[in-house]
């Protein structure tokens, strides 16, 4: 009887463990919008990372939008875009806008 209980417990443990391995959660896709001032060589890192699938492998869907700084800075502050590469954004941050500099490609 004790042996049967041990076998049942062992099978339950194996079954529960196997279910945990098979039930891996899918990565949630992250949608990001990058505002750039012009599609020039300075932003080539974003284009290459997207084209090579580096971002998709991490679950990131990057949209690159060309926009003027007069549009991108308010869009950053309001949360409509997630990041941008503009000197005007740094000026706005120095004037108190809730923006942070993370990375500069130049």
PDB file of N, CA and C in Angstrom:
ATOM      1  N   UNK A   1       0.817  -1.192   0.000  1.00  0.00           N
ATOM      2  CA  UNK A   1       0.000   0.000   0.000  1.00  0.00           C
ATOM      3  C   UNK A   1       0.866   1.263   0.000  1.00  0.00           C
ATOM      4  N   UNK A   2       1.905   1.274   0.867  1.00  0.00           N
ATOM      5  CA  UNK A   2       2.800   2.419   0.934  1.00  0.00           C
ATOM      6  C   UNK A   2       3.527   2.591  -0.386  1.00  0.00           C
ATOM      7  N   UNK A   3       3.869   1.472  -1.007  1.00  0.00           N
ATOM      8  CA  UNK A   3       4.575   1.538  -2.285  1.00  0.00           C
ATOM      9  C   UNK A   3       3.669   2.155  -3.349  1.00  0.00           C
ATOM     10  N   UNK A   4       2.411   1.821  -3.347  1.00  0.00           N
ATOM     11  CA  UNK A   4       1.460   2.376  -4.312  1.00  0.00           C
ATOM     12  C   UNK A   4       1.319   3.891  -4.120  1.00  0.00           C
ATOM     13  N   UNK A   5       1.300   4.324  -2.872  1.00  0.00           N
ATOM     14  CA  UNK A   5       1.186   5.754  -2.575  1.00  0.00           C
ATOM     15  C   UNK A   5       2.420   6.488  -3.083  1.00  0.00           C
ATOM     16  N   UNK A   6       3.591   5.879  -2.878  1.00  0.00           N
ATOM     17  CA  UNK A   6       4.837   6.504  -3.362  1.00  0.00           C
ATOM     18  C   UNK A   6       4.828   6.618  -4.885  1.00  0.00           C
ATOM     19  N   UNK A   7       4.355   5.588  -5.548  1.00  0.00           N
ATOM     20  CA  UNK A   7       4.306   5.612  -7.012  1.00  0.00           C
ATOM     21  C   UNK A   7       3.338   6.698  -7.485  1.00  0.00           C
ATOM     22  N   UNK A   8       2.180   6.812  -6.841  1.00  0.00           N
ATOM     23  CA  UNK A   8       1.205   7.839  -7.206  1.00  0.00           C
ATOM     24  C   UNK A   8       1.783   9.233  -6.988  1.00  0.00           C
ATOM     25  N   UNK A   9       2.445   9.441  -5.847  1.00  0.00           N
ATOM     26  CA  UNK A   9       3.065  10.743  -5.567  1.00  0.00           C
ATOM     27  C   UNK A   9       4.144  11.050  -6.592  1.00  0.00           C
ATOM     28  N   UNK A  10       4.969  10.070  -6.932  1.00  0.00           N
ATOM     29  CA  UNK A  10       6.014  10.261  -7.934  1.00  0.00           C
ATOM     30  C   UNK A  10       5.407  10.629  -9.286  1.00  0.00           C
ATOM     31  N   UNK A  11       4.357   9.917  -9.675  1.00  0.00           N
ATOM     32  CA  UNK A  11       3.706  10.229 -10.955  1.00  0.00           C
ATOM     33  C   UNK A  11       3.089  11.617 -10.953  1.00  0.00           C
ATOM     34  N   UNK A  12       2.488  12.004  -9.833  1.00  0.00           N
ATOM     35  CA  UNK A  12       1.926  13.348  -9.730  1.00  0.00           C
ATOM     36  C   UNK A  12       3.011  14.417  -9.849  1.00  0.00           C
ATOM     37  N   UNK A  13       4.109  14.205  -9.162  1.00  0.00           N
ATOM     38  CA  UNK A  13       5.212  15.178  -9.229  1.00  0.00           C
ATOM     39  C   UNK A  13       5.765  15.289 -10.643  1.00  0.00           C
ATOM     40  N   UNK A  14       5.943  14.136 -11.281  1.00  0.00           N
ATOM     41  CA  UNK A  14       6.444  14.162 -12.654  1.00  0.00           C
ATOM     42  C   UNK A  14       5.441  14.833 -13.584  1.00  0.00           C
ATOM     43  N   UNK A  15       4.165  14.513 -13.394  1.00  0.00           N
ATOM     44  CA  UNK A  15       3.127  15.107 -14.231  1.00  0.00           C
ATOM     45  C   UNK A  15       3.034  16.603 -14.041  1.00  0.00           C
ATOM     46  N   UNK A  16       3.084  17.077 -12.800  1.00  0.00           N
ATOM     47  CA  UNK A  16       3.016  18.515 -12.546  1.00  0.00           C
ATOM     48  C   UNK A  16       4.253  19.221 -13.061  1.00  0.00           C
ATOM     49  N   UNK A  17       5.401  18.617 -12.868  1.00  0.00           N
ATOM     50  CA  UNK A  17       6.645  19.216 -13.368  1.00  0.00           C
ATOM     51  C   UNK A  17       6.663  19.304 -14.875  1.00  0.00           C
ATOM     52  N   UNK A  18       6.188  18.253 -15.544  1.00  0.00           N
ATOM     53  CA  UNK A  18       6.165  18.244 -17.002  1.00  0.00           C
ATOM     54  C   UNK A  18       5.207  19.311 -17.531  1.00  0.00           C
ATOM     55  N   UNK A  19       4.068  19.479 -16.838  1.00  0.00           N
ATOM     56  CA  UNK A  19       3.104  20.504 -17.257  1.00  0.00           C
ATOM     57  C   UNK A  19       3.705  21.896 -17.156  1.00  0.00           C
ATOM     58  N   UNK A  20       4.495  22.140 -16.122  1.00  0.00           N
ATOM     59  CA  UNK A  20       5.120  23.452 -15.959  1.00  0.00           C
ATOM     60  C   UNK A  20       6.097  23.729 -17.084  1.00  0.00           C
ATOM     61  N   UNK A  21       6.809  22.692 -17.533  1.00  0.00           N
ATOM     62  CA  UNK A  21       7.765  22.872 -18.621  1.00  0.00           C
ATOM     63  C   UNK A  21       7.032  23.166 -19.927  1.00  0.00           C
ATOM     64  N   UNK A  22       5.931  22.490 -20.168  1.00  0.00           N
ATOM     65  CA  UNK A  22       5.201  22.667 -21.418  1.00  0.00           C
ATOM     66  C   UNK A  22       4.379  23.953 -21.447  1.00  0.00           C
ATOM     67  N   UNK A  23       4.034  24.484 -20.295  1.00  0.00           N
ATOM     68  CA  UNK A  23       3.143  25.640 -20.229  1.00  0.00           C
ATOM     69  C   UNK A  23       3.909  26.946 -20.103  1.00  0.00           C
ATOM     70  N   UNK A  24       4.924  27.127 -20.938  1.00  0.00           N
ATOM     71  CA  UNK A  24       5.670  28.380 -20.903  1.00  0.00           C
ATOM     72  C   UNK A  24       4.821  29.486 -21.509  1.00  0.00           C
ATOM     73  N   UNK A  25       4.891  30.643 -20.894  1.00  0.00           N
ATOM     74  CA  UNK A  25       4.122  31.770 -21.387  1.00  0.00           C
ATOM     75  C   UNK A  25       4.784  32.367 -22.624  1.00  0.00           C
ATOM     76  N   UNK A  26       3.946  32.806 -23.552  1.00  0.00           N
ATOM     77  CA  UNK A  26       4.451  33.494 -24.729  1.00  0.00           C
ATOM     78  C   UNK A  26       4.873  34.901 -24.344  1.00  0.00           C
ATOM     79  N   UNK A  27       5.911  35.396 -25.024  1.00  0.00           N
ATOM     80  CA  UNK A  27       6.352  36.764 -24.763  1.00  0.00           C
ATOM     81  C   UNK A  27       5.302  37.743 -25.280  1.00  0.00           C
ATOM     82  N   UNK A  28       5.026  38.739 -24.483  1.00  0.00           N
ATOM     83  CA  UNK A  28       4.104  39.782 -24.910  1.00  0.00           C
ATOM     84  C   UNK A  28       4.859  40.741 -25.824  1.00  0.00           C
ATOM     85  N   UNK A  29       4.258  41.064 -26.962  1.00  0.00           N
ATOM     86  CA  UNK A  29       4.911  41.971 -27.895  1.00  0.00           C
ATOM     87  C   UNK A  29       4.843  43.401 -27.366  1.00  0.00           C
ATOM     88  N   UNK A  30       5.948  44.097 -27.452  1.00  0.00           N
ATOM     89  CA  UNK A  30       6.047  45.485 -27.011  1.00  0.00           C
ATOM     90  C   UNK A  30       6.059  46.362 -28.254  1.00  0.00           C
ATOM     91  N   UNK A  31       5.106  47.261 -28.348  1.00  0.00           N
ATOM     92  CA  UNK A  31       5.033  48.187 -29.474  1.00  0.00           C
ATOM     93  C   UNK A  31       5.713  49.495 -29.095  1.00  0.00           C
ATOM     94  N   UNK A  32       6.716  49.878 -29.858  1.00  0.00           N
ATOM     95  CA  UNK A  32       7.444  51.120 -29.615  1.00  0.00           C
ATOM     96  C   UNK A  32       7.409  51.987 -30.868  1.00  0.00           C
ATOM     97  N   UNK A  33       7.334  53.280 -30.652  1.00  0.00           N
ATOM     98  CA  UNK A  33       7.406  54.239 -31.753  1.00  0.00           C
ATOM     99  C   UNK A  33       8.591  55.155 -31.489  1.00  0.00           C
ATOM    100  N   UNK A  34       9.490  55.217 -32.471  1.00  0.00           N
ATOM    101  CA  UNK A  34      10.656  56.097 -32.384  1.00  0.00           C
ATOM    102  C   UNK A  34      10.445  57.266 -33.333  1.00  0.00           C
ATOM    103  N   UNK A  35      10.559  58.465 -32.819  1.00  0.00           N
ATOM    104  CA  UNK A  35      10.453  59.655 -33.647  1.00  0.00           C
ATOM    105  C   UNK A  35      11.843  60.127 -34.036  1.00  0.00           C
ATOM    106  N   UNK A  36      12.077  60.255 -35.339  1.00  0.00           N
ATOM    107  CA  UNK A  36      13.373  60.739 -35.818  1.00  0.00           C
ATOM    108  C   UNK A  36      13.138  61.969 -36.683  1.00  0.00           C
ATOM    109  N   UNK A  37      14.166  62.795 -36.802  1.00  0.00           N
ATOM    110  CA  UNK A  37      14.007  64.041 -37.557  1.00  0.00           C
ATOM    111  C   UNK A  37      14.165  63.846 -39.059  1.00  0.00           C
ATOM    112  N   UNK A  38      14.947  62.840 -39.481  1.00  0.00           N
ATOM    113  CA  UNK A  38      15.113  62.547 -40.904  1.00  0.00           C
ATOM    114  C   UNK A  38      15.681  61.137 -41.035  1.00  0.00           C
ATOM    115  N   UNK A  39      15.361  60.447 -42.123  1.00  0.00           N
ATOM    116  CA  UNK A  39      15.868  59.077 -42.298  1.00  0.00           C
ATOM    117  C   UNK A  39      17.301  59.071 -42.824  1.00  0.00           C
ATOM    118  N   UNK A  40      18.227  59.573 -42.029  1.00  0.00           N
ATOM    119  CA  UNK A  40      19.614  59.658 -42.480  1.00  0.00           C
ATOM    120  C   UNK A  40      20.493  58.646 -41.748  1.00  0.00           C
ATOM    121  N   UNK A  41      21.791  58.700 -42.040  1.00  0.00           N
ATOM    122  CA  UNK A  41      22.757  57.727 -41.519  1.00  0.00           C
ATOM    123  C   UNK A  41      22.834  57.729 -39.993  1.00  0.00           C
ATOM    124  N   UNK A  42      22.507  58.808 -39.355  1.00  0.00           N
ATOM    125  CA  UNK A  42      22.591  58.879 -37.903  1.00  0.00           C
ATOM    126  C   UNK A  42      21.640  57.920 -37.196  1.00  0.00           C
ATOM    127  N   UNK A  43      20.606  57.492 -37.866  1.00  0.00           N
ATOM    128  CA  UNK A  43      19.614  56.604 -37.264  1.00  0.00           C
ATOM    129  C   UNK A  43      19.686  55.192 -37.829  1.00  0.00           C
ATOM    130  N   UNK A  44      20.787  54.885 -38.501  1.00  0.00           N
ATOM    131  CA  UNK A  44      20.924  53.592 -39.158  1.00  0.00           C
ATOM    132  C   UNK A  44      20.865  52.424 -38.165  1.00  0.00           C
ATOM    133  N   UNK A  45      21.266  52.638 -36.924  1.00  0.00           N
ATOM    134  CA  UNK A  45      21.230  51.550 -35.935  1.00  0.00           C
ATOM    135  C   UNK A  45      19.806  51.039 -35.717  1.00  0.00           C
ATOM    136  N   UNK A  46      18.850  51.930 -35.670  1.00  0.00           N
ATOM    137  CA  UNK A  46      17.450  51.523 -35.493  1.00  0.00           C
ATOM    138  C   UNK A  46      16.955  50.738 -36.700  1.00  0.00           C
ATOM    139  N   UNK A  47      17.300  51.214 -37.897  1.00  0.00           N
ATOM    140  CA  UNK A  47      16.860  50.527 -39.105  1.00  0.00           C
ATOM    141  C   UNK A  47      17.489  49.142 -39.222  1.00  0.00           C
ATOM    142  N   UNK A  48      18.772  49.033 -38.916  1.00  0.00           N
ATOM    143  CA  UNK A  48      19.460  47.737 -39.007  1.00  0.00           C
ATOM    144  C   UNK A  48      18.916  46.762 -37.958  1.00  0.00           C
ATOM    145  N   UNK A  49      18.747  47.226 -36.728  1.00  0.00           N
ATOM    146  CA  UNK A  49      18.235  46.353 -35.673  1.00  0.00           C
ATOM    147  C   UNK A  49      16.856  45.815 -36.038  1.00  0.00           C
ATOM    148  N   UNK A  50      16.027  46.655 -36.628  1.00  0.00           N
ATOM    149  CA  UNK A  50      14.694  46.213 -37.039  1.00  0.00           C
ATOM    150  C   UNK A  50      14.771  45.249 -38.221  1.00  0.00           C
ATOM    151  N   UNK A  51      15.594  45.579 -39.219  1.00  0.00           N
ATOM    152  CA  UNK A  51      15.696  44.750 -40.419  1.00  0.00           C
ATOM    153  C   UNK A  51      16.297  43.376 -40.133  1.00  0.00           C
ATOM    154  N   UNK A  52      17.268  43.313 -39.254  1.00  0.00           N
ATOM    155  CA  UNK A  52      17.925  42.045 -38.922  1.00  0.00           C
ATOM    156  C   UNK A  52      17.109  41.189 -37.956  1.00  0.00           C
ATOM    157  N   UNK A  53      16.028  41.738 -37.419  1.00  0.00           N
ATOM    158  CA  UNK A  53      15.179  40.968 -36.520  1.00  0.00           C
ATOM    159  C   UNK A  53      15.643  40.944 -35.081  1.00  0.00           C
ATOM    160  N   UNK A  54      16.639  41.773 -34.731  1.00  0.00           N
ATOM    161  CA  UNK A  54      17.133  41.797 -33.354  1.00  0.00           C
ATOM    162  C   UNK A  54      16.027  42.203 -32.376  1.00  0.00           C
ATOM    163  N   UNK A  55      15.222  43.170 -32.769  1.00  0.00           N
ATOM    164  CA  UNK A  55      14.149  43.654 -31.907  1.00  0.00           C
ATOM    165  C   UNK A  55      13.004  42.645 -31.851  1.00  0.00           C
ATOM    166  N   UNK A  56      12.655  42.078 -32.980  1.00  0.00           N
ATOM    167  CA  UNK A  56      11.568  41.095 -33.019  1.00  0.00           C
ATOM    168  C   UNK A  56      11.897  39.880 -32.157  1.00  0.00           C
ATOM    169  N   UNK A  57      13.169  39.485 -32.122  1.00  0.00           N
ATOM    170  CA  UNK A  57      13.577  38.356 -31.285  1.00  0.00           C
ATOM    171  C   UNK A  57      13.320  38.623 -29.812  1.00  0.00           C
ATOM    172  N   UNK A  58      13.293  39.872 -29.430  1.00  0.00           N
ATOM    173  CA  UNK A  58      13.044  40.253 -28.031  1.00  0.00           C
ATOM    174  C   UNK A  58      11.586  40.655 -27.803  1.00  0.00           C
ATOM    175  N   UNK A  59      10.758  40.491 -28.826  1.00  0.00           N
ATOM    176  CA  UNK A  59       9.340  40.816 -28.685  1.00  0.00           C
ATOM    177  C   UNK A  59       9.025  42.284 -28.850  1.00  0.00           C
ATOM    178  N   UNK A  60       9.907  43.010 -29.546  1.00  0.00           N
ATOM    179  CA  UNK A  60       9.704  44.449 -29.738  1.00  0.00           C
ATOM    180  C   UNK A  60       9.315  44.716 -31.189  1.00  0.00           C
ATOM    181  N   UNK A  61       8.218  45.421 -31.368  1.00  0.00           N
ATOM    182  CA  UNK A  61       7.777  45.867 -32.685  1.00  0.00           C
ATOM    183  C   UNK A  61       8.055  47.362 -32.767  1.00  0.00           C
ATOM    184  N   UNK A  62       9.098  47.742 -33.518  1.00  0.00           N
ATOM    185  CA  UNK A  62       9.518  49.141 -33.610  1.00  0.00           C
ATOM    186  C   UNK A  62       8.959  49.789 -34.859  1.00  0.00           C
ATOM    187  N   UNK A  63       8.303  50.903 -34.670  1.00  0.00           N
ATOM    188  CA  UNK A  63       7.853  51.736 -35.774  1.00  0.00           C
ATOM    189  C   UNK A  63       8.703  52.998 -35.743  1.00  0.00           C
ATOM    190  N   UNK A  64       9.295  53.344 -36.884  1.00  0.00           N
ATOM    191  CA  UNK A  64      10.126  54.541 -36.991  1.00  0.00           C
ATOM    192  C   UNK A  64       9.331  55.581 -37.767  1.00  0.00           C
ATOM    193  N   UNK A  65       9.123  56.730 -37.131  1.00  0.00           N
ATOM    194  CA  UNK A  65       8.312  57.789 -37.735  1.00  0.00           C
ATOM    195  C   UNK A  65       9.166  59.044 -37.861  1.00  0.00           C
ATOM    196  N   UNK A  66       9.195  59.608 -39.068  1.00  0.00           N
ATOM    197  CA  UNK A  66       9.915  60.860 -39.294  1.00  0.00           C
ATOM    198  C   UNK A  66       8.982  62.008 -38.924  1.00  0.00           C
ATOM    199  N   UNK A  67       9.452  62.860 -38.003  1.00  0.00           N
ATOM    200  CA  UNK A  67       8.636  63.995 -37.559  1.00  0.00           C
ATOM    201  C   UNK A  67       9.530  65.138 -37.110  1.00  0.00           C
ATOM    202  N   UNK A  68       9.003  66.318 -37.167  1.00  0.00           N
ATOM    203  CA  UNK A  68       9.737  67.499 -36.718  1.00  0.00           C
ATOM    204  C   UNK A  68       9.847  67.495 -35.196  1.00  0.00           C
ATOM    205  N   UNK A  69      10.843  68.181 -34.692  1.00  0.00           N
ATOM    206  CA  UNK A  69      11.024  68.290 -33.246  1.00  0.00           C
ATOM    207  C   UNK A  69       9.845  68.992 -32.587  1.00  0.00           C
ATOM    208  N   UNK A  70       9.211  69.894 -33.315  1.00  0.00           N
ATOM    209  CA  UNK A  70       8.052  70.595 -32.742  1.00  0.00           C
ATOM    210  C   UNK A  70       6.881  69.637 -32.508  1.00  0.00           C
ATOM    211  N   UNK A  71       6.908  68.495 -33.168  1.00  0.00           N
ATOM    212  CA  UNK A  71       5.884  67.471 -32.975  1.00  0.00           C
ATOM    213  C   UNK A  71       6.370  66.391 -32.018  1.00  0.00           C
ATOM    214  N   UNK A  72       7.634  65.994 -32.155  1.00  0.00           N
ATOM    215  CA  UNK A  72       8.122  64.850 -31.378  1.00  0.00           C
ATOM    216  C   UNK A  72       8.262  65.144 -29.883  1.00  0.00           C
ATOM    217  N   UNK A  73       8.671  66.329 -29.524  1.00  0.00           N
ATOM    218  CA  UNK A  73       8.839  66.640 -28.096  1.00  0.00           C
ATOM    219  C   UNK A  73       7.491  66.599 -27.373  1.00  0.00           C
ATOM    220  N   UNK A  74       6.440  67.258 -27.876  1.00  0.00           N
ATOM    221  CA  UNK A  74       5.141  67.103 -27.209  1.00  0.00           C
ATOM    222  C   UNK A  74       4.640  65.655 -27.224  1.00  0.00           C
ATOM    223  N   UNK A  75       4.942  64.916 -28.300  1.00  0.00           N
ATOM    224  CA  UNK A  75       4.529  63.510 -28.366  1.00  0.00           C
ATOM    225  C   UNK A  75       5.259  62.677 -27.307  1.00  0.00           C
ATOM    226  N   UNK A  76       6.531  62.987 -27.065  1.00  0.00           N
ATOM    227  CA  UNK A  76       7.276  62.309 -26.000  1.00  0.00           C
ATOM    228  C   UNK A  76       6.676  62.604 -24.628  1.00  0.00           C
ATOM    229  N   UNK A  77       6.413  63.861 -24.383  1.00  0.00           N
ATOM    230  CA  UNK A  77       5.891  64.273 -23.081  1.00  0.00           C
ATOM    231  C   UNK A  77       4.516  63.649 -22.833  1.00  0.00           C
ATOM    232  N   UNK A  78       3.688  63.563 -23.861  1.00  0.00           N
ATOM    233  CA  UNK A  78       2.341  63.013 -23.692  1.00  0.00           C
ATOM    234  C   UNK A  78       2.313  61.491 -23.730  1.00  0.00           C
ATOM    235  N   UNK A  79       3.419  60.850 -24.141  1.00  0.00           N
ATOM    236  CA  UNK A  79       3.474  59.391 -24.182  1.00  0.00           C
ATOM    237  C   UNK A  79       2.998  58.781 -25.483  1.00  0.00           C
ATOM    238  N   UNK A  80       2.774  59.605 -26.505  1.00  0.00           N
ATOM    239  CA  UNK A  80       2.334  59.070 -27.791  1.00  0.00           C
ATOM    240  C   UNK A  80       3.453  58.335 -28.519  1.00  0.00           C
ATOM    241  N   UNK A  81       4.693  58.764 -28.302  1.00  0.00           N
ATOM    242  CA  UNK A  81       5.849  58.014 -28.791  1.00  0.00           C
ATOM    243  C   UNK A  81       6.716  57.685 -27.582  1.00  0.00           C
ATOM    244  N   UNK A  82       7.483  56.625 -27.684  1.00  0.00           N
ATOM    245  CA  UNK A  82       8.247  56.166 -26.538  1.00  0.00           C
ATOM    246  C   UNK A  82       9.665  56.737 -26.475  1.00  0.00           C
ATOM    247  N   UNK A  83      10.263  57.006 -27.624  1.00  0.00           N
ATOM    248  CA  UNK A  83      11.575  57.642 -27.612  1.00  0.00           C
ATOM    249  C   UNK A  83      11.839  58.351 -28.923  1.00  0.00           C
ATOM    250  N   UNK A  84      12.767  59.282 -28.864  1.00  0.00           N
ATOM    251  CA  UNK A  84      13.115  60.076 -30.032  1.00  0.00           C
ATOM    252  C   UNK A  84      14.563  60.512 -29.914  1.00  0.00           C
ATOM    253  N   UNK A  85      15.114  60.909 -31.031  1.00  0.00           N
ATOM    254  CA  UNK A  85      16.496  61.371 -31.052  1.00  0.00           C
ATOM    255  C   UNK A  85      16.487  62.792 -31.572  1.00  0.00           C
ATOM    256  N   UNK A  86      16.390  63.732 -30.672  1.00  0.00           N
ATOM    257  CA  UNK A  86      16.329  65.135 -31.054  1.00  0.00           C
ATOM    258  C   UNK A  86      17.039  65.981 -30.003  1.00  0.00           C
ATOM    259  N   UNK A  87      17.799  66.936 -30.461  1.00  0.00           N
ATOM    260  CA  UNK A  87      18.402  67.883 -29.541  1.00  0.00           C
ATOM    261  C   UNK A  87      17.346  68.719 -28.835  1.00  0.00           C
ATOM    262  N   UNK A  88      16.226  68.947 -29.510  1.00  0.00           N
ATOM    263  CA  UNK A  88      15.144  69.722 -28.907  1.00  0.00           C
ATOM    264  C   UNK A  88      14.574  69.031 -27.679  1.00  0.00           C
ATOM    265  N   UNK A  89      14.608  67.713 -27.652  1.00  0.00           N
ATOM    266  CA  UNK A  89      14.123  66.980 -26.484  1.00  0.00           C
ATOM    267  C   UNK A  89      15.023  67.252 -25.281  1.00  0.00           C
ATOM    268  N   UNK A  90      16.319  67.365 -25.513  1.00  0.00           N
ATOM    269  CA  UNK A  90      17.248  67.683 -24.412  1.00  0.00           C
ATOM    270  C   UNK A  90      16.995  69.098 -23.898  1.00  0.00           C
ATOM    271  N   UNK A  91      16.728  70.017 -24.809  1.00  0.00           N
ATOM    272  CA  UNK A  91      16.404  71.381 -24.392  1.00  0.00           C
ATOM    273  C   UNK A  91      15.146  71.385 -23.536  1.00  0.00           C
ATOM    274  N   UNK A  92      14.135  70.622 -23.958  1.00  0.00           N
ATOM    275  CA  UNK A  92      12.893  70.534 -23.187  1.00  0.00           C
ATOM    276  C   UNK A  92      13.149  69.894 -21.821  1.00  0.00           C
ATOM    277  N   UNK A  93      14.008  68.884 -21.760  1.00  0.00           N
ATOM    278  CA  UNK A  93      14.327  68.237 -20.485  1.00  0.00           C
ATOM    279  C   UNK A  93      15.023  69.208 -19.544  1.00  0.00           C
ATOM    280  N   UNK A  94      15.916  70.040 -20.085  1.00  0.00           N
ATOM    281  CA  UNK A  94      16.603  71.021 -19.245  1.00  0.00           C
ATOM    282  C   UNK A  94      15.653  72.102 -18.737  1.00  0.00           C
ATOM    283  N   UNK A  95      14.550  72.282 -19.441  1.00  0.00           N
ATOM    284  CA  UNK A  95      13.546  73.264 -19.015  1.00  0.00           C
ATOM    285  C   UNK A  95      12.485  72.655 -18.094  1.00  0.00           C
ATOM    286  N   UNK A  96      12.653  71.359 -17.759  1.00  0.00           N
ATOM    287  CA  UNK A  96      11.749  70.742 -16.798  1.00  0.00           C
ATOM    288  C   UNK A  96      10.822  69.674 -17.333  1.00  0.00           C
ATOM    289  N   UNK A  97      10.860  69.375 -18.620  1.00  0.00           N
ATOM    290  CA  UNK A  97      10.012  68.307 -19.155  1.00  0.00           C
ATOM    291  C   UNK A  97      10.472  66.974 -18.578  1.00  0.00           C
ATOM    292  N   UNK A  98       9.544  66.060 -18.297  1.00  0.00           N
ATOM    293  CA  UNK A  98       9.908  64.775 -17.681  1.00  0.00           C
ATOM    294  C   UNK A  98      10.512  63.798 -18.693  1.00  0.00           C
ATOM    295  N   UNK A  99      11.660  64.149 -19.237  1.00  0.00           N
ATOM    296  CA  UNK A  99      12.342  63.330 -20.234  1.00  0.00           C
ATOM    297  C   UNK A  99      13.732  62.960 -19.722  1.00  0.00           C
ATOM    298  N   UNK A 100      14.237  61.831 -20.184  1.00  0.00           N
ATOM    299  CA  UNK A 100      15.574  61.390 -19.792  1.00  0.00           C
ATOM    300  C   UNK A 100      16.375  61.021 -21.030  1.00  0.00           C
ATOM    301  N   UNK A 101      17.644  61.337 -21.026  1.00  0.00           N
ATOM    302  CA  UNK A 101      18.549  60.927 -22.077  1.00  0.00           C
ATOM    303  C   UNK A 101      19.084  59.543 -21.715  1.00  0.00           C
ATOM    304  N   UNK A 102      18.948  58.597 -22.652  1.00  0.00           N
ATOM    305  CA  UNK A 102      19.390  57.234 -22.393  1.00  0.00           C
ATOM    306  C   UNK A 102      20.577  56.868 -23.264  1.00  0.00           C
ATOM    307  N   UNK A 103      20.551  57.238 -24.528  1.00  0.00           N
ATOM    308  CA  UNK A 103      21.554  56.770 -25.471  1.00  0.00           C
ATOM    309  C   UNK A 103      21.690  57.771 -26.606  1.00  0.00           C
ATOM    310  N   UNK A 104      22.903  58.035 -26.996  1.00  0.00           N
ATOM    311  CA  UNK A 104      23.173  58.899 -28.137  1.00  0.00           C
ATOM    312  C   UNK A 104      23.974  58.119 -29.155  1.00  0.00           C
ATOM    313  N   UNK A 105      23.536  58.124 -30.423  1.00  0.00           N
ATOM    314  CA  UNK A 105      24.226  57.362 -31.452  1.00  0.00           C
ATOM    315  C   UNK A 105      25.439  58.081 -32.011  1.00  0.00           C
ATOM    316  N   UNK A 106      25.548  59.382 -31.823  1.00  0.00           N
ATOM    317  CA  UNK A 106      26.659  60.119 -32.401  1.00  0.00           C
ATOM    318  C   UNK A 106      27.819  60.147 -31.451  1.00  0.00           C
TER     319      UNK A 106
END
